[in-house]
N, C-alpha and C. Protein backbone atom coordinates (compact mmCIF):
# COMPACT_ATOMS: atom_id res chain seq x y z
N MET A 1 -70.52 8.91 -84.70
CA MET A 1 -70.70 9.81 -83.60
C MET A 1 -70.46 9.05 -82.31
N ASP A 2 -69.41 9.40 -81.62
CA ASP A 2 -69.09 8.78 -80.33
C ASP A 2 -69.13 9.85 -79.25
N PRO A 3 -70.30 10.06 -78.66
CA PRO A 3 -70.40 11.09 -77.63
C PRO A 3 -69.69 10.66 -76.35
N GLU A 4 -69.32 11.64 -75.59
CA GLU A 4 -68.74 11.41 -74.27
C GLU A 4 -69.84 11.67 -73.25
N PHE A 5 -70.16 10.67 -72.43
CA PHE A 5 -71.21 10.79 -71.43
C PHE A 5 -70.59 11.12 -70.08
N GLN A 6 -71.27 11.98 -69.35
CA GLN A 6 -70.79 12.34 -68.02
C GLN A 6 -71.98 12.45 -67.07
N ARG A 7 -71.83 11.85 -65.91
CA ARG A 7 -72.85 11.92 -64.86
C ARG A 7 -72.57 13.12 -63.96
N HIS A 8 -73.66 13.78 -63.58
CA HIS A 8 -73.55 14.94 -62.68
C HIS A 8 -74.55 14.78 -61.56
N ASP A 9 -74.10 14.94 -60.33
CA ASP A 9 -75.04 15.04 -59.22
C ASP A 9 -75.51 16.50 -59.17
N ALA A 10 -76.32 16.83 -58.19
CA ALA A 10 -76.87 18.17 -58.12
C ALA A 10 -75.77 19.24 -58.04
N LYS A 11 -74.73 18.96 -57.28
CA LYS A 11 -73.66 19.95 -57.11
C LYS A 11 -72.92 20.18 -58.42
N SER A 12 -72.51 19.13 -59.09
CA SER A 12 -71.75 19.32 -60.33
C SER A 12 -72.64 19.78 -61.49
N ALA A 13 -73.94 19.49 -61.42
CA ALA A 13 -74.86 19.96 -62.46
C ALA A 13 -74.97 21.49 -62.42
N GLN A 14 -74.81 22.06 -61.23
CA GLN A 14 -74.86 23.52 -61.12
C GLN A 14 -73.76 24.17 -61.95
N ASP A 15 -72.65 23.46 -62.14
CA ASP A 15 -71.53 24.00 -62.91
C ASP A 15 -71.83 24.05 -64.42
N VAL A 16 -72.81 23.26 -64.87
CA VAL A 16 -73.13 23.22 -66.30
C VAL A 16 -74.56 23.70 -66.59
N VAL A 17 -75.19 24.34 -65.60
CA VAL A 17 -76.59 24.72 -65.76
C VAL A 17 -76.81 25.62 -66.97
N SER A 18 -75.91 26.53 -67.25
CA SER A 18 -76.08 27.42 -68.41
C SER A 18 -76.06 26.63 -69.72
N GLU A 19 -75.20 25.64 -69.79
CA GLU A 19 -75.16 24.79 -70.99
C GLU A 19 -76.44 23.97 -71.13
N LEU A 20 -76.96 23.47 -70.02
CA LEU A 20 -78.20 22.70 -70.05
C LEU A 20 -79.36 23.58 -70.51
N VAL A 21 -79.42 24.79 -70.00
CA VAL A 21 -80.48 25.72 -70.39
C VAL A 21 -80.35 26.09 -71.87
N ASP A 22 -79.12 26.24 -72.35
CA ASP A 22 -78.91 26.56 -73.78
C ASP A 22 -79.45 25.45 -74.68
N VAL A 23 -79.23 24.20 -74.29
CA VAL A 23 -79.76 23.08 -75.08
C VAL A 23 -81.29 23.13 -75.05
N TYR A 24 -81.86 23.33 -73.89
CA TYR A 24 -83.32 23.44 -73.77
C TYR A 24 -83.85 24.53 -74.71
N ALA A 25 -83.19 25.70 -74.69
CA ALA A 25 -83.65 26.83 -75.51
C ALA A 25 -83.68 26.46 -76.99
N LYS A 26 -82.73 25.69 -77.44
CA LYS A 26 -82.69 25.28 -78.86
C LYS A 26 -83.73 24.21 -79.16
N VAL A 27 -83.89 23.26 -78.27
CA VAL A 27 -84.83 22.15 -78.48
C VAL A 27 -86.27 22.67 -78.49
N TYR A 28 -86.58 23.62 -77.63
CA TYR A 28 -87.95 24.11 -77.50
C TYR A 28 -88.21 25.39 -78.31
N ASP A 29 -87.33 25.73 -79.20
CA ASP A 29 -87.48 26.91 -80.06
C ASP A 29 -88.20 26.55 -81.36
N VAL A 30 -89.25 25.75 -81.24
CA VAL A 30 -90.04 25.29 -82.39
C VAL A 30 -91.52 25.29 -81.99
N PRO A 31 -92.40 25.41 -82.97
CA PRO A 31 -93.83 25.27 -82.64
C PRO A 31 -94.10 23.86 -82.13
N PRO A 32 -94.99 23.64 -81.24
CA PRO A 32 -95.91 24.59 -80.63
C PRO A 32 -95.37 25.23 -79.36
N TYR A 33 -94.12 25.00 -79.04
CA TYR A 33 -93.55 25.45 -77.77
C TYR A 33 -93.13 26.90 -77.76
N ILE A 34 -92.62 27.37 -78.89
CA ILE A 34 -92.11 28.75 -78.96
C ILE A 34 -93.25 29.73 -78.65
N GLY A 35 -92.97 30.62 -77.72
CA GLY A 35 -93.97 31.61 -77.33
C GLY A 35 -94.94 31.14 -76.26
N ASP A 36 -94.93 29.85 -75.92
CA ASP A 36 -95.81 29.35 -74.87
C ASP A 36 -95.13 29.58 -73.52
N PRO A 37 -95.74 30.38 -72.64
CA PRO A 37 -95.08 30.68 -71.36
C PRO A 37 -94.69 29.45 -70.55
N PHE A 38 -95.47 28.37 -70.66
CA PHE A 38 -95.15 27.15 -69.91
C PHE A 38 -93.79 26.60 -70.29
N PHE A 39 -93.36 26.85 -71.53
CA PHE A 39 -92.08 26.33 -72.02
C PHE A 39 -91.00 27.41 -72.11
N SER A 40 -91.18 28.51 -71.40
CA SER A 40 -90.18 29.58 -71.46
C SER A 40 -88.85 29.10 -70.87
N VAL A 41 -87.79 29.68 -71.38
CA VAL A 41 -86.45 29.32 -70.92
C VAL A 41 -86.29 29.67 -69.44
N ASP A 42 -86.81 30.83 -69.02
CA ASP A 42 -86.67 31.23 -67.62
C ASP A 42 -87.40 30.28 -66.69
N LEU A 43 -88.60 29.85 -67.08
CA LEU A 43 -89.35 28.90 -66.25
C LEU A 43 -88.64 27.56 -66.19
N PHE A 44 -88.06 27.14 -67.32
CA PHE A 44 -87.30 25.89 -67.31
C PHE A 44 -86.12 25.98 -66.36
N ARG A 45 -85.37 27.08 -66.42
CA ARG A 45 -84.22 27.24 -65.53
C ARG A 45 -84.67 27.15 -64.07
N THR A 46 -85.79 27.78 -63.74
CA THR A 46 -86.31 27.73 -62.38
C THR A 46 -86.65 26.30 -61.97
N ARG A 47 -87.33 25.57 -62.87
CA ARG A 47 -87.68 24.17 -62.57
C ARG A 47 -86.43 23.31 -62.42
N LEU A 48 -85.46 23.51 -63.30
CA LEU A 48 -84.22 22.73 -63.24
C LEU A 48 -83.48 22.99 -61.93
N GLU A 49 -83.31 24.24 -61.59
CA GLU A 49 -82.59 24.57 -60.36
C GLU A 49 -83.33 24.06 -59.13
N ALA A 50 -84.66 24.08 -59.15
CA ALA A 50 -85.43 23.52 -58.03
C ALA A 50 -85.24 22.01 -57.94
N ALA A 51 -85.06 21.36 -59.10
CA ALA A 51 -84.89 19.90 -59.12
C ALA A 51 -83.59 19.47 -58.45
N PHE A 52 -82.61 20.37 -58.36
CA PHE A 52 -81.34 20.01 -57.72
C PHE A 52 -81.54 19.56 -56.28
N ASP A 53 -82.60 20.04 -55.65
CA ASP A 53 -82.87 19.69 -54.25
C ASP A 53 -83.65 18.39 -54.10
N THR A 54 -84.03 17.76 -55.21
CA THR A 54 -84.79 16.52 -55.16
C THR A 54 -83.86 15.35 -54.86
N GLU A 55 -84.32 14.46 -54.00
CA GLU A 55 -83.51 13.29 -53.64
C GLU A 55 -83.13 12.49 -54.89
N GLY A 56 -81.87 12.13 -54.98
CA GLY A 56 -81.40 11.30 -56.08
C GLY A 56 -81.23 12.03 -57.40
N PHE A 57 -81.21 13.38 -57.37
CA PHE A 57 -81.08 14.13 -58.62
C PHE A 57 -79.80 13.72 -59.35
N GLU A 58 -79.95 13.60 -60.66
CA GLU A 58 -78.79 13.28 -61.50
C GLU A 58 -79.08 13.76 -62.92
N THR A 59 -78.04 14.19 -63.60
CA THR A 59 -78.14 14.45 -65.03
C THR A 59 -76.99 13.71 -65.71
N VAL A 60 -77.27 13.23 -66.91
CA VAL A 60 -76.23 12.63 -67.75
C VAL A 60 -76.18 13.48 -69.00
N THR A 61 -74.99 14.00 -69.28
CA THR A 61 -74.79 14.82 -70.47
C THR A 61 -74.08 14.02 -71.54
N ALA A 62 -74.35 14.39 -72.78
CA ALA A 62 -73.63 13.83 -73.93
C ALA A 62 -72.91 15.00 -74.60
N ARG A 63 -71.61 14.85 -74.75
CA ARG A 63 -70.81 15.91 -75.39
C ARG A 63 -70.20 15.40 -76.68
N LEU A 64 -70.19 16.28 -77.65
CA LEU A 64 -69.46 16.07 -78.90
C LEU A 64 -68.58 17.30 -79.10
N ASP A 65 -67.33 17.08 -79.37
CA ASP A 65 -66.39 18.19 -79.56
C ASP A 65 -66.46 19.19 -78.40
N GLY A 66 -66.64 18.67 -77.19
CA GLY A 66 -66.60 19.50 -76.00
C GLY A 66 -67.89 20.20 -75.64
N ARG A 67 -68.92 20.15 -76.47
CA ARG A 67 -70.17 20.85 -76.13
C ARG A 67 -71.28 19.85 -75.84
N ILE A 68 -72.15 20.24 -74.92
CA ILE A 68 -73.30 19.40 -74.59
C ILE A 68 -74.28 19.43 -75.76
N VAL A 69 -74.59 18.24 -76.28
CA VAL A 69 -75.51 18.13 -77.42
C VAL A 69 -76.81 17.42 -77.03
N GLY A 70 -76.86 16.94 -75.81
CA GLY A 70 -78.06 16.29 -75.31
C GLY A 70 -77.85 15.92 -73.86
N TYR A 71 -78.96 15.70 -73.17
CA TYR A 71 -78.86 15.29 -71.77
C TYR A 71 -80.21 14.81 -71.27
N VAL A 72 -80.13 14.17 -70.13
CA VAL A 72 -81.31 13.74 -69.39
C VAL A 72 -81.10 14.18 -67.96
N HIS A 73 -82.19 14.51 -67.29
CA HIS A 73 -82.08 14.69 -65.85
C HIS A 73 -83.32 14.12 -65.18
N GLY A 74 -83.10 13.69 -63.96
CA GLY A 74 -84.18 13.08 -63.21
C GLY A 74 -83.78 12.90 -61.77
N ALA A 75 -84.64 12.20 -61.03
CA ALA A 75 -84.42 12.00 -59.60
C ALA A 75 -85.28 10.83 -59.15
N THR A 76 -85.13 10.48 -57.90
CA THR A 76 -86.01 9.48 -57.32
C THR A 76 -87.41 10.10 -57.22
N LEU A 77 -88.40 9.38 -57.69
CA LEU A 77 -89.77 9.89 -57.70
C LEU A 77 -90.32 10.00 -56.28
N PRO A 78 -90.69 11.21 -55.85
CA PRO A 78 -91.36 11.33 -54.55
C PRO A 78 -92.75 10.71 -54.65
N ALA A 79 -93.12 9.87 -53.72
CA ALA A 79 -94.41 9.18 -53.76
C ALA A 79 -95.59 10.14 -53.70
N ASP A 80 -95.35 11.36 -53.19
CA ASP A 80 -96.43 12.34 -53.09
C ASP A 80 -96.37 13.39 -54.20
N LYS A 81 -95.58 13.15 -55.24
CA LYS A 81 -95.51 14.11 -56.35
C LYS A 81 -96.90 14.27 -56.93
N PRO A 82 -97.41 15.49 -57.08
CA PRO A 82 -98.80 15.68 -57.52
C PRO A 82 -99.18 14.96 -58.81
N TRP A 83 -98.32 14.99 -59.83
CA TRP A 83 -98.72 14.32 -61.07
C TRP A 83 -98.85 12.82 -60.86
N TRP A 84 -97.97 12.26 -60.05
CA TRP A 84 -97.99 10.82 -59.76
C TRP A 84 -99.25 10.45 -58.96
N ALA A 85 -99.48 11.22 -57.90
CA ALA A 85 -100.64 10.94 -57.05
C ALA A 85 -101.95 11.13 -57.81
N SER A 86 -101.99 12.07 -58.76
CA SER A 86 -103.23 12.34 -59.51
C SER A 86 -103.67 11.15 -60.37
N LEU A 87 -102.77 10.23 -60.62
CA LEU A 87 -103.12 9.05 -61.42
C LEU A 87 -103.98 8.07 -60.64
N GLY A 88 -103.94 8.16 -59.31
CA GLY A 88 -104.78 7.30 -58.47
C GLY A 88 -104.67 5.83 -58.81
N ASP A 89 -105.82 5.21 -59.06
CA ASP A 89 -105.88 3.77 -59.33
C ASP A 89 -105.36 3.37 -60.71
N GLN A 90 -105.01 4.34 -61.54
CA GLN A 90 -104.44 4.00 -62.84
C GLN A 90 -103.02 3.45 -62.70
N ARG A 91 -102.41 3.71 -61.55
CA ARG A 91 -101.06 3.20 -61.29
C ARG A 91 -101.15 1.75 -60.84
N PRO A 92 -100.32 0.90 -61.42
CA PRO A 92 -100.27 -0.48 -60.90
C PRO A 92 -99.91 -0.46 -59.41
N THR A 93 -100.58 -1.31 -58.63
CA THR A 93 -100.38 -1.36 -57.18
C THR A 93 -98.90 -1.53 -56.82
N GLU A 94 -98.22 -2.39 -57.56
CA GLU A 94 -96.80 -2.61 -57.24
C GLU A 94 -95.96 -1.35 -57.44
N LEU A 95 -96.37 -0.47 -58.36
CA LEU A 95 -95.64 0.78 -58.56
C LEU A 95 -95.92 1.77 -57.42
N VAL A 96 -97.13 1.77 -56.91
CA VAL A 96 -97.45 2.63 -55.77
C VAL A 96 -96.56 2.24 -54.59
N ASP A 97 -96.47 0.95 -54.33
CA ASP A 97 -95.62 0.46 -53.24
C ASP A 97 -94.15 0.78 -53.49
N LEU A 98 -93.72 0.61 -54.72
CA LEU A 98 -92.32 0.87 -55.08
C LEU A 98 -91.99 2.36 -54.92
N ALA A 99 -92.91 3.23 -55.30
CA ALA A 99 -92.69 4.67 -55.13
C ALA A 99 -92.55 5.01 -53.65
N GLU A 100 -93.38 4.39 -52.82
CA GLU A 100 -93.30 4.62 -51.36
C GLU A 100 -91.93 4.22 -50.83
N ALA A 101 -91.32 3.22 -51.45
CA ALA A 101 -90.00 2.72 -51.01
C ALA A 101 -88.85 3.45 -51.70
N GLY A 102 -89.15 4.44 -52.55
CA GLY A 102 -88.08 5.17 -53.25
C GLY A 102 -87.48 4.38 -54.40
N GLY A 103 -88.26 3.49 -54.99
CA GLY A 103 -87.73 2.60 -56.02
C GLY A 103 -88.06 2.94 -57.45
N ILE A 104 -88.50 4.20 -57.70
CA ILE A 104 -88.82 4.61 -59.07
C ILE A 104 -87.98 5.83 -59.45
N PHE A 105 -87.33 5.74 -60.59
CA PHE A 105 -86.58 6.87 -61.14
C PHE A 105 -87.54 7.71 -61.97
N TRP A 106 -87.61 9.00 -61.68
CA TRP A 106 -88.45 9.93 -62.44
C TRP A 106 -87.58 10.61 -63.47
N LEU A 107 -87.73 10.21 -64.71
CA LEU A 107 -87.00 10.82 -65.81
C LEU A 107 -87.75 12.11 -66.15
N ARG A 108 -87.17 13.23 -65.77
CA ARG A 108 -87.86 14.53 -65.88
C ARG A 108 -87.73 15.14 -67.27
N GLU A 109 -86.57 15.07 -67.86
CA GLU A 109 -86.32 15.68 -69.17
C GLU A 109 -85.30 14.85 -69.92
N LEU A 110 -85.53 14.70 -71.20
CA LEU A 110 -84.56 14.07 -72.11
C LEU A 110 -84.59 14.88 -73.38
N MET A 111 -83.45 15.43 -73.76
CA MET A 111 -83.43 16.25 -74.97
C MET A 111 -82.11 16.14 -75.71
N VAL A 112 -82.23 16.31 -77.02
CA VAL A 112 -81.10 16.26 -77.94
C VAL A 112 -81.25 17.44 -78.88
N LEU A 113 -80.14 18.10 -79.20
CA LEU A 113 -80.20 19.22 -80.13
C LEU A 113 -80.88 18.79 -81.43
N PRO A 114 -81.68 19.67 -82.02
CA PRO A 114 -82.45 19.31 -83.22
C PRO A 114 -81.62 18.70 -84.35
N GLU A 115 -80.44 19.21 -84.57
CA GLU A 115 -79.62 18.70 -85.69
C GLU A 115 -79.07 17.30 -85.45
N LEU A 116 -79.20 16.80 -84.23
CA LEU A 116 -78.71 15.45 -83.90
C LEU A 116 -79.83 14.48 -83.54
N GLN A 117 -81.07 14.92 -83.66
CA GLN A 117 -82.19 14.05 -83.34
C GLN A 117 -82.35 12.97 -84.40
N ASN A 118 -83.02 11.90 -84.02
CA ASN A 118 -83.31 10.76 -84.91
C ASN A 118 -82.05 10.03 -85.38
N GLN A 119 -81.02 10.04 -84.52
CA GLN A 119 -79.79 9.32 -84.83
C GLN A 119 -79.40 8.35 -83.72
N GLY A 120 -80.30 8.15 -82.76
CA GLY A 120 -80.05 7.20 -81.69
C GLY A 120 -79.40 7.79 -80.44
N LEU A 121 -79.07 9.07 -80.46
CA LEU A 121 -78.40 9.68 -79.32
C LEU A 121 -79.32 9.74 -78.10
N GLY A 122 -80.58 10.06 -78.31
CA GLY A 122 -81.52 10.11 -77.19
C GLY A 122 -81.62 8.77 -76.48
N ARG A 123 -81.65 7.71 -77.26
CA ARG A 123 -81.71 6.36 -76.67
C ARG A 123 -80.44 6.06 -75.88
N GLN A 124 -79.30 6.47 -76.41
CA GLN A 124 -78.03 6.23 -75.71
C GLN A 124 -78.01 6.96 -74.36
N ILE A 125 -78.46 8.21 -74.37
CA ILE A 125 -78.49 9.00 -73.14
C ILE A 125 -79.46 8.34 -72.14
N HIS A 126 -80.62 7.98 -72.62
CA HIS A 126 -81.64 7.32 -71.80
C HIS A 126 -81.08 6.05 -71.16
N ASP A 127 -80.50 5.19 -71.97
CA ASP A 127 -80.00 3.92 -71.46
C ASP A 127 -78.82 4.12 -70.50
N THR A 128 -78.02 5.14 -70.74
CA THR A 128 -76.88 5.42 -69.86
C THR A 128 -77.35 5.82 -68.47
N VAL A 129 -78.33 6.72 -68.39
CA VAL A 129 -78.79 7.14 -67.07
C VAL A 129 -79.46 5.98 -66.34
N ILE A 130 -80.29 5.23 -67.02
CA ILE A 130 -81.00 4.13 -66.37
C ILE A 130 -80.05 3.05 -65.88
N ALA A 131 -79.02 2.77 -66.66
CA ALA A 131 -78.06 1.73 -66.28
C ALA A 131 -77.34 2.07 -64.97
N GLY A 132 -77.24 3.34 -64.65
CA GLY A 132 -76.53 3.74 -63.44
C GLY A 132 -77.42 4.01 -62.24
N ARG A 133 -78.72 3.78 -62.39
CA ARG A 133 -79.65 4.08 -61.31
C ARG A 133 -79.91 2.85 -60.44
N ALA A 134 -80.16 3.08 -59.16
CA ALA A 134 -80.49 2.00 -58.25
C ALA A 134 -81.96 1.59 -58.38
N GLU A 135 -82.83 2.54 -58.78
CA GLU A 135 -84.25 2.24 -58.90
C GLU A 135 -84.47 1.23 -60.02
N SER A 136 -85.48 0.38 -59.83
CA SER A 136 -85.72 -0.69 -60.81
C SER A 136 -86.75 -0.32 -61.88
N ILE A 137 -87.51 0.76 -61.66
CA ILE A 137 -88.55 1.21 -62.58
C ILE A 137 -88.26 2.66 -62.94
N THR A 138 -88.57 3.03 -64.16
CA THR A 138 -88.46 4.42 -64.59
C THR A 138 -89.85 4.92 -64.96
N ALA A 139 -90.19 6.12 -64.50
CA ALA A 139 -91.45 6.75 -64.85
C ALA A 139 -91.16 8.12 -65.46
N LEU A 140 -92.04 8.54 -66.36
CA LEU A 140 -91.90 9.85 -66.99
C LEU A 140 -93.25 10.33 -67.46
N THR A 141 -93.29 11.58 -67.86
CA THR A 141 -94.47 12.12 -68.52
C THR A 141 -94.03 12.66 -69.87
N CYS A 142 -94.85 12.41 -70.88
CA CYS A 142 -94.52 12.81 -72.24
C CYS A 142 -95.73 13.52 -72.85
N ILE A 143 -95.51 14.66 -73.45
CA ILE A 143 -96.59 15.41 -74.08
C ILE A 143 -97.26 14.51 -75.11
N VAL A 144 -98.57 14.37 -74.99
CA VAL A 144 -99.33 13.48 -75.87
C VAL A 144 -99.08 13.81 -77.34
N ASP A 145 -99.01 15.11 -77.66
CA ASP A 145 -98.86 15.53 -79.05
C ASP A 145 -97.41 15.54 -79.55
N ASN A 146 -96.46 15.20 -78.70
CA ASN A 146 -95.06 15.14 -79.13
C ASN A 146 -94.82 13.75 -79.72
N GLN A 147 -95.28 13.57 -80.94
CA GLN A 147 -95.29 12.24 -81.55
C GLN A 147 -93.92 11.58 -81.62
N PRO A 148 -92.86 12.30 -82.02
CA PRO A 148 -91.55 11.60 -82.07
C PRO A 148 -91.12 11.03 -80.72
N ALA A 149 -91.22 11.83 -79.66
CA ALA A 149 -90.82 11.35 -78.33
C ALA A 149 -91.78 10.27 -77.85
N HIS A 150 -93.05 10.52 -78.02
CA HIS A 150 -94.07 9.57 -77.57
C HIS A 150 -93.85 8.20 -78.22
N ASP A 151 -93.66 8.20 -79.53
CA ASP A 151 -93.42 6.94 -80.25
C ASP A 151 -92.14 6.26 -79.79
N ALA A 152 -91.10 7.07 -79.55
CA ALA A 152 -89.82 6.50 -79.10
C ALA A 152 -90.00 5.79 -77.76
N TYR A 153 -90.66 6.43 -76.81
CA TYR A 153 -90.84 5.81 -75.50
C TYR A 153 -91.61 4.49 -75.61
N LEU A 154 -92.63 4.47 -76.44
CA LEU A 154 -93.38 3.22 -76.63
C LEU A 154 -92.49 2.14 -77.26
N ARG A 155 -91.67 2.51 -78.24
CA ARG A 155 -90.73 1.55 -78.85
C ARG A 155 -89.73 1.02 -77.83
N TRP A 156 -89.33 1.87 -76.90
CA TRP A 156 -88.33 1.49 -75.90
C TRP A 156 -88.93 0.64 -74.78
N GLY A 157 -90.23 0.39 -74.82
CA GLY A 157 -90.84 -0.51 -73.85
C GLY A 157 -91.70 0.14 -72.79
N TYR A 158 -91.91 1.44 -72.85
CA TYR A 158 -92.75 2.12 -71.86
C TYR A 158 -94.22 1.75 -72.06
N SER A 159 -94.96 1.77 -70.96
CA SER A 159 -96.41 1.56 -70.97
C SER A 159 -97.08 2.83 -70.44
N ILE A 160 -98.25 3.12 -70.95
CA ILE A 160 -98.99 4.30 -70.52
C ILE A 160 -99.90 3.93 -69.35
N MET A 161 -99.83 4.73 -68.28
CA MET A 161 -100.69 4.52 -67.12
C MET A 161 -101.94 5.39 -67.18
N GLY A 162 -101.81 6.58 -67.72
CA GLY A 162 -102.92 7.53 -67.75
C GLY A 162 -102.43 8.88 -68.23
N GLN A 163 -103.30 9.86 -68.14
CA GLN A 163 -102.95 11.20 -68.60
C GLN A 163 -103.03 12.19 -67.45
N ILE A 164 -102.15 13.19 -67.50
CA ILE A 164 -102.06 14.19 -66.44
C ILE A 164 -101.76 15.55 -67.06
N LYS A 165 -101.92 16.58 -66.24
CA LYS A 165 -101.44 17.92 -66.57
C LYS A 165 -100.57 18.34 -65.40
N HIS A 166 -99.41 18.91 -65.72
CA HIS A 166 -98.51 19.36 -64.65
C HIS A 166 -99.02 20.65 -64.02
N ALA A 167 -99.77 21.41 -64.77
CA ALA A 167 -100.34 22.67 -64.31
C ALA A 167 -101.54 22.98 -65.20
N PRO A 168 -102.45 23.82 -64.74
CA PRO A 168 -103.62 24.13 -65.58
C PRO A 168 -103.25 24.61 -66.98
N GLU A 169 -102.13 25.32 -67.09
CA GLU A 169 -101.72 25.88 -68.38
C GLU A 169 -100.83 24.93 -69.20
N SER A 170 -100.54 23.76 -68.67
CA SER A 170 -99.66 22.83 -69.38
C SER A 170 -100.45 22.02 -70.40
N PRO A 171 -99.73 21.45 -71.36
CA PRO A 171 -100.39 20.53 -72.29
C PRO A 171 -100.73 19.22 -71.57
N LEU A 172 -101.44 18.36 -72.25
CA LEU A 172 -101.79 17.04 -71.73
C LEU A 172 -100.59 16.11 -71.90
N TYR A 173 -100.29 15.34 -70.87
CA TYR A 173 -99.17 14.41 -70.87
C TYR A 173 -99.67 12.99 -70.67
N ASP A 174 -98.99 12.03 -71.27
CA ASP A 174 -99.17 10.63 -70.90
C ASP A 174 -98.17 10.32 -69.81
N ALA A 175 -98.62 9.74 -68.72
CA ALA A 175 -97.74 9.24 -67.67
C ALA A 175 -97.38 7.81 -68.06
N MET A 176 -96.09 7.54 -68.12
CA MET A 176 -95.60 6.26 -68.63
C MET A 176 -94.60 5.66 -67.65
N TYR A 177 -94.44 4.34 -67.76
CA TYR A 177 -93.40 3.69 -66.96
C TYR A 177 -92.74 2.59 -67.77
N LEU A 178 -91.50 2.36 -67.44
CA LEU A 178 -90.70 1.29 -68.05
C LEU A 178 -90.57 0.19 -67.02
N PRO A 179 -91.07 -1.01 -67.33
CA PRO A 179 -90.97 -2.11 -66.38
C PRO A 179 -89.51 -2.37 -65.98
N SER A 180 -89.34 -3.06 -64.88
CA SER A 180 -87.99 -3.30 -64.37
C SER A 180 -87.10 -3.95 -65.41
N ARG A 181 -85.83 -3.60 -65.28
CA ARG A 181 -84.84 -4.10 -66.24
C ARG A 181 -84.15 -5.30 -65.69
């Protein structure tokens, strides 16, 4: 499997938004997400389109035979992002300072179609986006109960800072960071 990777800024990501949403719909069409309003396709589309206005927004897509089979999107972490700020003293001091300077990449979503999971594609997409970023640290939130993703991030070198909820109705997430590369 030799995927073709492509970087998209906010403007060019708008051209593939329907494809990105289609991948999301397939990835999240499984329990416990199916039927949960927090993970609805419409709410995801709204969050994705709002993310286009975030400083440093970027998505990296992976295509096989011309179709998007996985992607990541993220942006420069705003130092006042509520989930980040809610961690308080659980954040290493140097990360607080780095966020203030715009030096943390917020990996917002990473997904691969179910039929291609557990084959290393997620790691390839992850490493591709990080290799092209100016920020030296990557931060993300991962659903505590999403064992495959959670375990992968820990294997890839992420450390857990604490736990957060993105909204009262959201599941519990581990806030994680990848030390500088």
